[in-house]
Amino acid sequence: MAINRISGMASGMDTETMVKDLMKAERKPLDNLLRKKQLDEWKRDDYRDMNLLLATFRDTTMRDMRMQSTYLKKTVSSTNDAIVTAKQKGNPSLPSYVVENVQLAIAGKPHAKTFDATGVSNPEASLGNKFELKIAGDSGVEKTIQVASTDSMNSIISKINSVSKDTGVVASFNPTDKKLVFTATKTGETNMKLTVDTTNGGKNTIGLVDYQGKSGVADIPGKATINGTELSIPSNNFTYDGMEFNFKQSTAPGQNYTITSNPDEDAIFKSITKFVEDYNTLIDKLNKKISQARYKDYHPLSDEEKAAMDEKVIEKWEEKAKSGLLRRDPMITETLNQMRGAIFNPVSDVNKKFDLLTEVGISTTRPGAEGSATNYLDKGKLYIDETKLRKAIRENGTDVMDLFTKTSSSTDPKTKFEESGIAQRLYSTLGEITTKITKKAGSVGMTDESEYFTMGKDMKNLKDQIKQWERRMDKIEDRYWRKFTALENAMNKMNSQSAWLAQQLGG
């Protein structure tokens, strides 16, 4: 029920201010709930930010590091680039390939028919032609094209090409030499038939005439002997055993040339270096987040408090209020521990000389540094001994690959972890971690009232409490106004009586 709020006209009191001051004390529990709501939202956002960092690292860096192709990159060279070159296409099984007895493949030619369209000056302009064109290719399917007076050369060609899947014939026009060319869509000897009908007042100014013929040259496959195996090559770019060979010249009898494939040390080193850099960046951000100072005296500001402050002051205040919400957070701390476990535990069932990162030159000790203090201060960051890592890549590339990429078929979690390569472990562990954080803090797009994450449920309950307190505050404020309004009414009545009495006595 609405109240007529009478403000101090009879009593002389500042009722508005008095009610506001009384409500400040009443609102303290509600203000605390609103502050908690804001803190929960900031904390939720912090979790989501950390989760995004973890998911991005998993889906980019670790996705590549767990793939064998990252460690199988090759540099390829030829003893004679003028005869044959090659490049890695897959995973070559051999370090070298001897090429001899090369006979180049000869590319076939499609059936083509050219017409002089000298009457066409602008391929975009309407030609004023009107005729019917029937087209049939080697498939035997005949299609009819209706050419209208509004058609340009380009639109006629578009109509012809729109049925090329059926006819096996395409058309093109060169505005420079004004040649209209019909070409079969496949090489080799094929049939082509074109019929032009200009009856019924038709007109044809683009040089088309009836045509029927058979032409074209089929592909002639080549030959090459690779490592003693004679192969038929359909084209001069030919893939064999994960290598794409590009044959440029036929060879004379007795001539042979060697393609050599070696591990691309620089590319593999660069991939591992990027992994280390990305890992260090990630754990640095996680460590900073759980080490942030917490300023408990800086609470979330209310709208009333913000109204009394400068914008820059608000910004600095909220920076401190947001700080340290994940300080010593058990979930993020456990994340770091799990990542370290995946990195530093030995991989079983691989070459024992290369079952730890330290054995390929990757450790938590800075090159040239000694003592545990350095390790402690760096909080688990990785460092690379370039000489040692390059040597491992160059001389034991397969072992390096296994250290990172080995997979396990075990269904026992402990055994699976022990048998999995470092990159496989991290990828799997990060998947579990991001799922766990999402269950707690949700993901971008989820509403605060979502029942699908723990904090969402808590925030929904908190929001319900806030609504209850807001209704309670409205009732309390109405009660205060009723009391003051009653006081004003009583004083008005008393003042009226006093005035009447004074008037009577004065009379």
Protein backbone atom coordinates (compact mmCIF):
# COMPACT_ATOMS: atom_id res chain seq x y z
CA MET A 1 0.00 0.00 0.00
CA ALA A 2 1.41 3.38 -1.04
CA ILE A 3 2.21 5.89 1.67
CA ASN A 4 1.83 9.68 1.43
CA ARG A 5 5.27 10.65 2.68
CA ILE A 6 5.10 13.96 4.58
CA SER A 7 8.55 15.40 5.19
CA GLY A 8 9.02 17.67 8.24
CA MET A 9 6.61 20.45 7.37
CA ALA A 10 5.12 20.52 10.86
CA SER A 11 8.02 19.21 12.94
CA GLY A 12 10.81 20.99 11.11
CA MET A 13 12.80 17.74 10.96
CA ASP A 14 14.75 16.60 7.87
CA THR A 15 12.76 13.39 7.62
CA GLU A 16 14.35 12.31 4.31
CA THR A 17 17.86 12.37 5.81
CA MET A 18 16.74 10.74 9.04
CA VAL A 19 15.10 7.83 7.20
CA LYS A 20 18.15 7.45 4.96
CA ASP A 21 20.47 7.33 8.00
CA LEU A 22 18.24 4.82 9.76
CA MET A 23 18.20 2.64 6.63
CA LYS A 24 22.00 2.63 6.43
CA ALA A 25 22.14 0.59 9.60
CA GLU A 26 19.27 -1.63 8.45
CA ARG A 27 20.93 -2.22 5.07
CA LYS A 28 24.25 -3.53 6.42
CA PRO A 29 23.31 -7.23 6.02
CA LEU A 30 22.07 -6.52 2.46
CA ASP A 31 25.21 -4.53 1.63
CA ASN A 32 27.32 -7.46 2.81
CA LEU A 33 25.37 -9.81 0.54
CA LEU A 34 25.81 -7.46 -2.43
CA ARG A 35 29.54 -7.27 -1.74
CA LYS A 36 29.73 -11.04 -1.56
CA LYS A 37 27.84 -11.30 -4.85
CA GLN A 38 30.36 -8.99 -6.54
CA LEU A 39 33.32 -10.88 -5.06
CA ASP A 40 31.84 -14.18 -6.26
CA GLU A 41 31.41 -12.78 -9.77
CA TRP A 42 35.02 -11.55 -9.84
CA LYS A 43 36.24 -14.89 -8.51
CA ARG A 44 34.18 -16.75 -11.11
CA ASP A 45 35.73 -14.59 -13.84
CA ASP A 46 39.23 -15.28 -12.48
CA TYR A 47 38.58 -19.02 -12.67
CA ARG A 48 37.31 -18.68 -16.21
CA ASP A 49 40.35 -16.63 -17.23
CA MET A 50 42.68 -19.29 -15.82
CA ASN A 51 40.66 -22.03 -17.50
CA LEU A 52 40.91 -20.25 -20.85
CA LEU A 53 44.70 -20.10 -20.49
CA LEU A 54 44.82 -23.83 -19.74
CA ALA A 55 42.46 -24.76 -22.57
CA THR A 56 44.33 -22.61 -25.10
CA PHE A 57 47.66 -24.17 -24.13
CA ARG A 58 46.14 -27.65 -24.42
CA ASP A 59 44.40 -27.08 -27.75
CA THR A 60 47.34 -25.40 -29.48
CA THR A 61 50.75 -26.17 -28.03
CA MET A 62 49.99 -29.61 -26.58
CA ARG A 63 47.92 -30.72 -29.53
CA ASP A 64 50.97 -30.30 -31.76
CA MET A 65 53.46 -31.69 -29.24
CA ARG A 66 51.59 -34.98 -28.88
CA MET A 67 51.65 -35.61 -32.66
CA GLN A 68 54.48 -37.71 -34.09
CA SER A 69 54.54 -35.53 -37.21
CA THR A 70 56.03 -32.72 -35.09
CA TYR A 71 59.16 -34.85 -34.55
CA LEU A 72 59.28 -36.41 -38.03
CA LYS A 73 59.91 -33.21 -39.96
CA LYS A 74 62.64 -33.71 -42.55
CA THR A 75 65.04 -31.67 -44.64
CA VAL A 76 65.28 -33.13 -48.14
CA SER A 77 68.10 -32.69 -50.66
CA SER A 78 68.90 -34.01 -54.13
CA THR A 79 72.24 -34.74 -55.76
CA ASN A 80 70.88 -33.05 -58.91
CA ASP A 81 67.99 -30.60 -58.61
CA ALA A 82 67.82 -30.30 -62.41
CA ILE A 83 66.79 -33.97 -62.69
CA VAL A 84 64.69 -34.63 -59.58
CA THR A 85 63.72 -32.87 -56.35
CA ALA A 86 61.57 -34.05 -53.47
CA LYS A 87 59.81 -32.83 -50.35
CA GLN A 88 58.33 -34.51 -47.32
CA LYS A 89 54.66 -35.35 -47.76
CA GLY A 90 54.13 -37.81 -44.92
CA ASN A 91 56.46 -39.87 -42.75
CA PRO A 92 59.27 -41.28 -44.93
CA SER A 93 60.53 -44.66 -43.73
CA LEU A 94 63.98 -44.39 -45.33
CA PRO A 95 66.84 -41.89 -45.03
CA SER A 96 67.63 -41.94 -48.76
CA TYR A 97 66.16 -42.86 -52.15
CA VAL A 98 68.18 -43.76 -55.26
CA VAL A 99 66.38 -42.65 -58.43
CA GLU A 100 67.23 -44.00 -61.91
CA ASN A 101 65.69 -45.00 -65.28
CA VAL A 102 63.39 -41.96 -65.32
CA GLN A 103 61.07 -41.54 -68.29
CA LEU A 104 58.96 -38.42 -67.85
CA ALA A 105 55.19 -38.69 -67.98
CA ILE A 106 53.58 -36.75 -70.81
CA ALA A 107 50.47 -34.82 -69.91
CA GLY A 108 47.54 -35.38 -72.23
CA LYS A 109 45.58 -32.68 -74.00
CA PRO A 110 41.82 -32.24 -73.96
CA HIS A 111 39.66 -31.92 -77.07
CA ALA A 112 39.31 -28.20 -77.88
CA LYS A 113 37.49 -26.24 -80.61
CA THR A 114 38.12 -22.54 -81.24
CA PHE A 115 35.81 -20.01 -82.93
CA ASP A 116 36.62 -16.44 -83.99
CA ALA A 117 34.23 -14.11 -82.17
CA THR A 118 35.49 -10.92 -83.82
CA GLY A 119 32.09 -9.30 -83.50
CA VAL A 120 32.37 -9.13 -79.71
CA SER A 121 33.95 -5.89 -78.49
CA ASN A 122 32.70 -5.97 -74.90
CA PRO A 123 32.07 -9.36 -73.21
CA GLU A 124 29.74 -7.69 -70.69
CA ALA A 125 27.50 -5.98 -73.27
CA SER A 126 24.25 -7.42 -74.61
CA LEU A 127 24.82 -8.87 -78.09
CA GLY A 128 21.29 -8.85 -79.46
CA ASN A 129 21.69 -12.50 -80.48
CA LYS A 130 18.94 -15.06 -80.36
CA PHE A 131 19.65 -18.71 -81.07
CA GLU A 132 19.62 -22.21 -79.69
CA LEU A 133 22.87 -24.07 -78.99
CA LYS A 134 22.96 -27.83 -78.47
CA ILE A 135 26.07 -29.24 -76.79
CA ALA A 136 27.14 -32.86 -76.43
CA GLY A 137 30.46 -34.22 -75.21
CA ASP A 138 31.95 -37.67 -74.80
CA SER A 139 29.24 -38.64 -72.32
CA GLY A 140 26.66 -38.51 -75.11
CA VAL A 141 24.38 -36.32 -73.01
CA GLU A 142 23.06 -33.39 -75.05
CA LYS A 143 21.99 -30.13 -73.44
CA THR A 144 20.26 -27.17 -75.09
CA ILE A 145 21.24 -23.58 -74.31
CA GLN A 146 18.76 -20.80 -75.10
CA VAL A 147 20.57 -17.57 -76.01
CA ALA A 148 18.42 -14.44 -75.58
CA SER A 149 18.87 -11.01 -77.12
CA THR A 150 19.83 -9.60 -73.72
CA ASP A 151 22.68 -12.09 -73.23
CA SER A 152 26.31 -10.96 -73.24
CA MET A 153 29.26 -13.16 -74.15
CA ASN A 154 29.95 -13.71 -70.45
CA SER A 155 26.36 -14.73 -69.70
CA ILE A 156 26.34 -17.14 -72.68
CA ILE A 157 29.52 -18.77 -71.36
CA SER A 158 27.97 -18.96 -67.90
CA LYS A 159 24.97 -20.83 -69.34
CA ILE A 160 27.25 -23.26 -71.21
CA ASN A 161 29.38 -23.95 -68.14
CA SER A 162 26.34 -24.44 -65.89
CA VAL A 163 25.64 -27.75 -67.69
CA SER A 164 29.28 -28.84 -68.08
CA LYS A 165 28.88 -31.64 -65.52
CA ASP A 166 26.42 -33.26 -67.90
CA THR A 167 28.05 -32.42 -71.24
CA GLY A 168 31.72 -32.64 -70.27
CA VAL A 169 32.35 -29.40 -72.18
CA VAL A 170 33.28 -25.93 -70.88
CA ALA A 171 33.61 -22.61 -72.71
CA SER A 172 35.92 -19.61 -72.30
CA PHE A 173 36.47 -16.30 -74.09
CA ASN A 174 39.66 -14.29 -74.48
CA PRO A 175 38.74 -10.63 -75.09
CA THR A 176 42.28 -9.87 -76.34
CA ASP A 177 42.33 -12.19 -79.34
CA LYS A 178 38.51 -12.59 -79.39
CA LYS A 179 38.64 -16.37 -79.37
CA LEU A 180 35.71 -18.43 -78.11
CA VAL A 181 37.01 -21.87 -77.05
CA PHE A 182 35.06 -25.03 -76.22
CA THR A 183 37.16 -27.54 -74.22
CA ALA A 184 36.48 -31.05 -72.94
CA THR A 185 36.69 -31.35 -69.16
CA LYS A 186 38.99 -34.40 -69.33
CA THR A 187 42.15 -35.14 -71.25
CA GLY A 188 42.42 -37.77 -73.94
CA GLU A 189 40.53 -38.39 -77.17
CA THR A 190 36.87 -37.38 -76.75
CA ASN A 191 33.84 -36.52 -78.89
CA MET A 192 32.30 -33.06 -79.15
CA LYS A 193 29.19 -31.91 -81.01
CA LEU A 194 27.87 -28.34 -81.29
CA THR A 195 24.66 -27.45 -83.15
CA VAL A 196 23.56 -23.84 -83.73
CA ASP A 197 19.91 -23.15 -84.61
CA THR A 198 19.00 -19.61 -85.72
CA THR A 199 15.57 -20.40 -87.17
CA ASN A 200 12.53 -18.40 -86.15
CA GLY A 201 14.25 -15.04 -86.70
CA GLY A 202 17.38 -15.96 -84.79
CA LYS A 203 20.70 -14.13 -84.93
CA ASN A 204 24.29 -15.30 -84.32
CA THR A 205 27.16 -12.76 -84.34
CA ILE A 206 29.71 -14.59 -82.21
CA GLY A 207 31.17 -16.83 -84.92
CA LEU A 208 29.57 -20.08 -83.79
CA VAL A 209 28.94 -22.76 -86.44
CA ASP A 210 27.95 -26.40 -86.28
CA TYR A 211 30.80 -28.69 -85.28
CA GLN A 212 31.30 -32.39 -84.72
CA GLY A 213 34.63 -34.07 -84.15
CA LYS A 214 36.87 -36.32 -82.09
CA SER A 215 40.20 -35.08 -80.78
CA GLY A 216 42.53 -34.86 -77.78
CA VAL A 217 45.61 -36.70 -76.55
CA ALA A 218 45.62 -39.14 -73.64
CA ASP A 219 48.10 -38.94 -70.74
CA ILE A 220 51.21 -41.04 -71.22
CA PRO A 221 52.48 -42.34 -67.87
CA GLY A 222 56.17 -42.24 -67.15
CA LYS A 223 58.49 -44.65 -65.39
CA ALA A 224 61.06 -44.42 -62.63
CA THR A 225 63.06 -46.86 -60.56
CA ILE A 226 63.33 -45.94 -56.87
CA ASN A 227 65.59 -48.03 -54.64
CA GLY A 228 65.45 -50.83 -57.21
CA THR A 229 61.66 -50.87 -57.56
CA GLU A 230 60.30 -49.96 -61.01
CA LEU A 231 57.26 -47.72 -60.72
CA SER A 232 54.74 -46.32 -63.17
CA ILE A 233 54.31 -42.59 -62.59
CA PRO A 234 51.00 -41.09 -63.75
CA SER A 235 52.46 -37.58 -63.56
CA ASN A 236 55.84 -36.01 -62.95
CA ASN A 237 54.80 -35.11 -59.40
CA PHE A 238 54.60 -38.49 -57.73
CA THR A 239 54.24 -39.45 -54.04
CA TYR A 240 56.02 -42.55 -52.77
CA ASP A 241 56.73 -43.62 -49.18
CA GLY A 242 55.86 -40.24 -47.69
CA MET A 243 57.98 -38.31 -50.21
CA GLU A 244 56.71 -36.25 -53.12
CA PHE A 245 59.13 -36.57 -56.05
CA ASN A 246 59.22 -33.92 -58.77
CA PHE A 247 60.78 -35.39 -61.93
CA LYS A 248 62.14 -32.71 -64.27
CA GLN A 249 64.15 -34.65 -66.87
CA SER A 250 64.40 -38.19 -68.18
CA THR A 251 67.67 -39.91 -67.30
CA ALA A 252 70.18 -41.69 -69.48
CA PRO A 253 70.85 -45.41 -68.87
CA GLY A 254 73.24 -45.98 -65.98
CA GLN A 255 72.62 -42.58 -64.40
CA ASN A 256 71.25 -42.42 -60.85
CA TYR A 257 70.56 -39.64 -58.39
CA THR A 258 70.00 -39.71 -54.64
CA ILE A 259 67.33 -38.01 -52.56
CA THR A 260 68.43 -37.73 -48.93
CA SER A 261 66.01 -37.22 -46.04
CA ASN A 262 67.33 -36.12 -42.64
CA PRO A 263 65.57 -35.00 -39.45
CA ASP A 264 64.90 -31.26 -39.59
CA GLU A 265 66.83 -30.47 -36.43
CA ASP A 266 65.99 -26.76 -36.49
CA ALA A 267 62.24 -27.30 -36.96
CA ILE A 268 62.02 -29.93 -34.20
CA PHE A 269 64.15 -27.82 -31.85
CA LYS A 270 61.92 -24.82 -32.56
CA SER A 271 58.76 -26.83 -31.74
CA ILE A 272 60.20 -28.05 -28.41
CA THR A 273 61.47 -24.55 -27.58
CA LYS A 274 58.00 -23.11 -28.23
CA PHE A 275 56.50 -25.74 -25.92
CA VAL A 276 58.92 -24.76 -23.14
CA GLU A 277 58.23 -21.04 -23.65
CA ASP A 278 54.45 -21.53 -23.67
CA TYR A 279 54.61 -23.81 -20.62
CA ASN A 280 56.69 -21.25 -18.71
CA THR A 281 54.32 -18.43 -19.66
CA LEU A 282 51.35 -20.47 -18.47
CA ILE A 283 52.74 -21.54 -15.08
CA ASP A 284 54.04 -18.00 -14.50
CA LYS A 285 50.50 -16.63 -14.88
CA LEU A 286 49.06 -19.35 -12.66
CA ASN A 287 51.72 -18.80 -9.98
CA LYS A 288 51.15 -15.04 -10.02
CA LYS A 289 47.42 -15.54 -9.64
CA ILE A 290 47.71 -17.76 -6.54
CA SER A 291 50.41 -15.46 -5.08
CA GLN A 292 48.53 -12.17 -5.48
CA ALA A 293 48.20 -10.06 -2.35
CA ARG A 294 44.71 -9.91 -0.82
CA TYR A 295 43.61 -6.45 0.39
CA LYS A 296 40.70 -7.24 2.71
CA ASP A 297 40.12 -3.58 3.56
CA TYR A 298 39.18 -2.93 -0.07
CA HIS A 299 35.63 -4.18 -0.50
CA PRO A 300 33.49 -3.92 -3.66
CA LEU A 301 32.09 -0.40 -3.90
CA SER A 302 28.38 0.34 -3.81
CA ASP A 303 26.82 2.76 -6.29
CA GLU A 304 26.54 5.31 -3.49
CA GLU A 305 30.24 4.96 -2.65
CA LYS A 306 31.24 5.24 -6.31
CA ALA A 307 29.21 8.43 -6.68
CA ALA A 308 31.41 10.09 -4.04
CA MET A 309 34.71 9.03 -5.66
CA ASP A 310 36.82 10.07 -8.65
CA GLU A 311 36.90 7.62 -11.58
CA LYS A 312 40.65 7.00 -11.25
CA VAL A 313 40.27 6.39 -7.52
CA ILE A 314 37.49 3.87 -8.25
CA GLU A 315 39.73 2.10 -10.77
CA LYS A 316 42.63 1.79 -8.30
CA TRP A 317 40.28 0.76 -5.50
CA GLU A 318 38.68 -2.02 -7.55
CA GLU A 319 42.09 -3.22 -8.71
CA LYS A 320 42.96 -3.89 -5.07
CA ALA A 321 39.49 -5.26 -4.30
CA LYS A 322 39.88 -7.84 -7.12
CA SER A 323 43.41 -8.79 -6.12
CA GLY A 324 44.12 -12.11 -4.45
CA LEU A 325 40.70 -13.73 -4.89
CA LEU A 326 42.48 -16.94 -5.94
CA ARG A 327 45.36 -16.56 -3.50
CA ARG A 328 46.52 -20.03 -2.45
CA ASP A 329 43.51 -21.45 -4.29
CA PRO A 330 43.60 -25.26 -3.86
CA MET A 331 42.27 -25.99 -7.35
CA ILE A 332 44.87 -23.86 -9.17
CA THR A 333 47.61 -25.08 -6.82
CA GLU A 334 46.66 -28.68 -7.58
CA THR A 335 46.67 -27.83 -11.30
CA LEU A 336 50.30 -26.72 -11.05
CA ASN A 337 51.20 -29.86 -9.10
CA GLN A 338 49.55 -32.11 -11.66
CA MET A 339 51.30 -30.37 -14.54
CA ARG A 340 54.67 -30.75 -12.81
CA GLY A 341 53.91 -34.43 -12.20
CA ALA A 342 53.14 -34.96 -15.87
CA ILE A 343 56.37 -33.19 -16.85
CA PHE A 344 58.88 -34.67 -14.41
CA ASN A 345 57.81 -38.28 -13.82
CA PRO A 346 59.72 -40.80 -15.98
CA VAL A 347 58.02 -42.42 -18.97
CA SER A 348 58.04 -46.20 -18.72
CA ASP A 349 58.54 -48.62 -21.59
CA VAL A 350 60.82 -46.30 -23.59
CA ASN A 351 64.60 -46.14 -23.93
CA LYS A 352 65.73 -45.75 -20.31
CA LYS A 353 68.42 -43.34 -21.43
CA PHE A 354 65.67 -40.99 -22.61
CA ASP A 355 62.77 -41.45 -20.19
CA LEU A 356 63.08 -38.03 -18.51
CA LEU A 357 63.11 -34.47 -19.84
CA THR A 358 66.43 -33.87 -18.12
CA GLU A 359 68.00 -36.50 -20.36
CA VAL A 360 67.27 -34.45 -23.47
CA GLY A 361 68.48 -31.19 -21.91
CA ILE A 362 65.28 -29.78 -20.38
CA SER A 363 65.25 -29.09 -16.62
CA THR A 364 64.30 -26.54 -13.97
CA THR A 365 67.89 -25.38 -13.54
CA ARG A 366 69.09 -22.37 -15.48
CA PRO A 367 72.12 -23.17 -17.64
CA GLY A 368 75.15 -22.33 -15.50
CA ALA A 369 73.15 -21.96 -12.27
CA GLU A 370 73.59 -24.12 -9.19
CA GLY A 371 71.59 -24.83 -6.06
CA SER A 372 67.92 -25.26 -5.22
CA ALA A 373 67.35 -21.56 -4.57
CA THR A 374 67.22 -20.86 -8.28
CA ASN A 375 64.68 -23.64 -8.79
CA TYR A 376 62.51 -22.39 -5.91
CA LEU A 377 62.45 -18.81 -7.10
CA ASP A 378 61.62 -19.85 -10.67
CA LYS A 379 58.66 -21.93 -9.41
CA GLY A 380 59.05 -24.82 -11.81
CA LYS A 381 60.00 -22.98 -15.00
CA LEU A 382 61.82 -25.06 -17.59
CA TYR A 383 65.17 -24.27 -19.17
CA ILE A 384 66.85 -25.77 -22.23
CA ASP A 385 70.42 -26.90 -22.65
CA GLU A 386 70.51 -26.24 -26.39
CA THR A 387 73.61 -28.32 -27.08
CA LYS A 388 72.21 -31.36 -25.28
CA LEU A 389 68.74 -31.08 -26.84
CA ARG A 390 70.07 -30.64 -30.38
CA LYS A 391 72.35 -33.65 -29.92
CA ALA A 392 69.39 -35.77 -28.77
CA ILE A 393 67.29 -34.66 -31.74
CA ARG A 394 70.10 -35.32 -34.18
CA GLU A 395 71.28 -38.67 -32.84
CA ASN A 396 68.23 -40.09 -31.03
CA GLY A 397 65.26 -38.49 -32.76
CA THR A 398 62.98 -41.51 -32.30
CA ASP A 399 63.70 -41.59 -28.56
CA VAL A 400 62.91 -37.88 -28.25
CA MET A 401 59.65 -38.47 -30.12
CA ASP A 402 58.72 -41.40 -27.84
CA LEU A 403 59.47 -39.34 -24.73
CA PHE A 404 56.79 -36.85 -25.78
CA THR A 405 54.29 -38.84 -27.85
CA LYS A 406 54.20 -42.45 -26.62
CA THR A 407 50.64 -43.70 -26.11
CA SER A 408 49.30 -46.34 -23.74
CA SER A 409 46.50 -48.84 -24.32
CA SER A 410 46.11 -49.58 -20.61
CA THR A 411 42.73 -48.98 -18.96
CA ASP A 412 44.35 -48.63 -15.53
CA PRO A 413 44.78 -44.87 -14.89
CA LYS A 414 48.08 -45.26 -13.01
CA THR A 415 49.62 -47.52 -15.66
CA LYS A 416 48.28 -45.35 -18.47
CA PHE A 417 49.89 -42.28 -16.91
CA GLU A 418 53.24 -44.02 -16.44
CA GLU A 419 53.31 -45.38 -19.99
CA SER A 420 52.20 -42.17 -21.71
CA GLY A 421 54.63 -39.66 -23.14
CA ILE A 422 54.97 -36.25 -21.54
CA ALA A 423 52.88 -34.43 -24.15
CA GLN A 424 50.18 -37.12 -24.00
CA ARG A 425 50.06 -36.82 -20.20
CA LEU A 426 49.83 -33.05 -20.22
CA TYR A 427 47.13 -33.07 -22.90
CA SER A 428 45.05 -35.58 -20.94
CA THR A 429 45.68 -33.94 -17.55
CA LEU A 430 44.75 -30.49 -18.85
CA GLY A 431 41.52 -31.91 -20.28
CA GLU A 432 40.57 -33.23 -16.84
CA ILE A 433 41.56 -29.97 -15.15
CA THR A 434 39.60 -27.70 -17.49
CA THR A 435 36.53 -29.91 -17.10
CA LYS A 436 36.86 -29.69 -13.30
CA ILE A 437 37.17 -25.89 -13.33
CA THR A 438 34.21 -25.60 -15.71
CA LYS A 439 32.10 -27.66 -13.30
CA LYS A 440 33.01 -25.20 -10.55
CA ALA A 441 32.97 -21.83 -12.36
CA GLY A 442 31.14 -22.51 -15.62
CA SER A 443 32.18 -21.03 -18.93
CA VAL A 444 31.52 -17.85 -20.89
CA GLY A 445 27.86 -17.69 -21.86
CA MET A 446 26.52 -19.54 -18.82
CA THR A 447 24.19 -17.43 -16.68
CA ASP A 448 24.81 -16.91 -12.98
CA GLU A 449 21.64 -18.87 -12.23
CA SER A 450 22.87 -21.93 -14.14
CA GLU A 451 22.48 -25.22 -12.30
CA TYR A 452 25.33 -26.71 -14.33
CA PHE A 453 28.22 -25.34 -12.25
CA THR A 454 28.73 -25.15 -8.50
CA MET A 455 29.29 -21.42 -8.24
CA GLY A 456 26.19 -20.85 -10.36
CA LYS A 457 24.05 -22.69 -7.83
CA ASP A 458 25.60 -20.72 -4.97
CA MET A 459 25.16 -17.42 -6.82
CA LYS A 460 21.52 -18.24 -7.52
CA ASN A 461 20.92 -18.87 -3.82
CA LEU A 462 22.70 -15.62 -2.99
CA LYS A 463 20.61 -13.73 -5.53
CA ASP A 464 17.44 -15.12 -3.94
CA GLN A 465 18.64 -13.96 -0.50
CA ILE A 466 19.33 -10.49 -1.89
CA LYS A 467 15.81 -10.27 -3.32
CA GLN A 468 14.36 -11.27 0.07
CA TRP A 469 16.44 -8.64 1.85
CA GLU A 470 15.49 -5.97 -0.70
CA ARG A 471 11.80 -6.70 -0.06
CA ARG A 472 12.50 -6.56 3.67
CA MET A 473 14.26 -3.19 3.28
CA ASP A 474 11.27 -1.81 1.39
CA LYS A 475 8.97 -2.85 4.23
CA ILE A 476 11.26 -1.38 6.90
CA GLU A 477 11.58 1.89 5.01
CA ASP A 478 7.80 2.06 4.63
CA ARG A 479 7.47 1.47 8.39
CA TYR A 480 9.80 4.36 9.18
CA TRP A 481 7.91 6.64 6.82
CA ARG A 482 4.60 5.61 8.38
CA LYS A 483 5.91 6.56 11.81
CA PHE A 484 7.27 9.93 10.70
CA THR A 485 4.16 10.63 8.67
CA ALA A 486 2.00 9.84 11.71
CA LEU A 487 4.19 12.19 13.77
CA GLU A 488 3.79 14.96 11.18
CA ASN A 489 0.03 14.43 11.08
CA ALA A 490 -0.16 14.56 14.90
CA MET A 491 1.92 17.74 15.03
CA ASN A 492 -0.18 19.29 12.28
CA LYS A 493 -3.28 18.51 14.31
CA MET A 494 -1.70 19.88 17.49
CA ASN A 495 -0.56 23.03 15.70
CA SER A 496 -4.06 23.53 14.34
CA GLN A 497 -5.55 23.11 17.83
CA SER A 498 -3.01 25.52 19.31
CA ALA A 499 -3.81 28.09 16.67
CA TRP A 500 -7.55 27.72 17.31
CA LEU A 501 -7.06 28.00 21.07
CA ALA A 502 -4.88 31.07 20.68
CA GLN A 503 -7.51 32.61 18.44
CA GLN A 504 -10.23 31.91 21.03
CA LEU A 505 -8.21 33.31 23.91
CA GLY A 506 -7.21 36.31 21.93
CA GLY A 507 -10.83 36.93 21.04
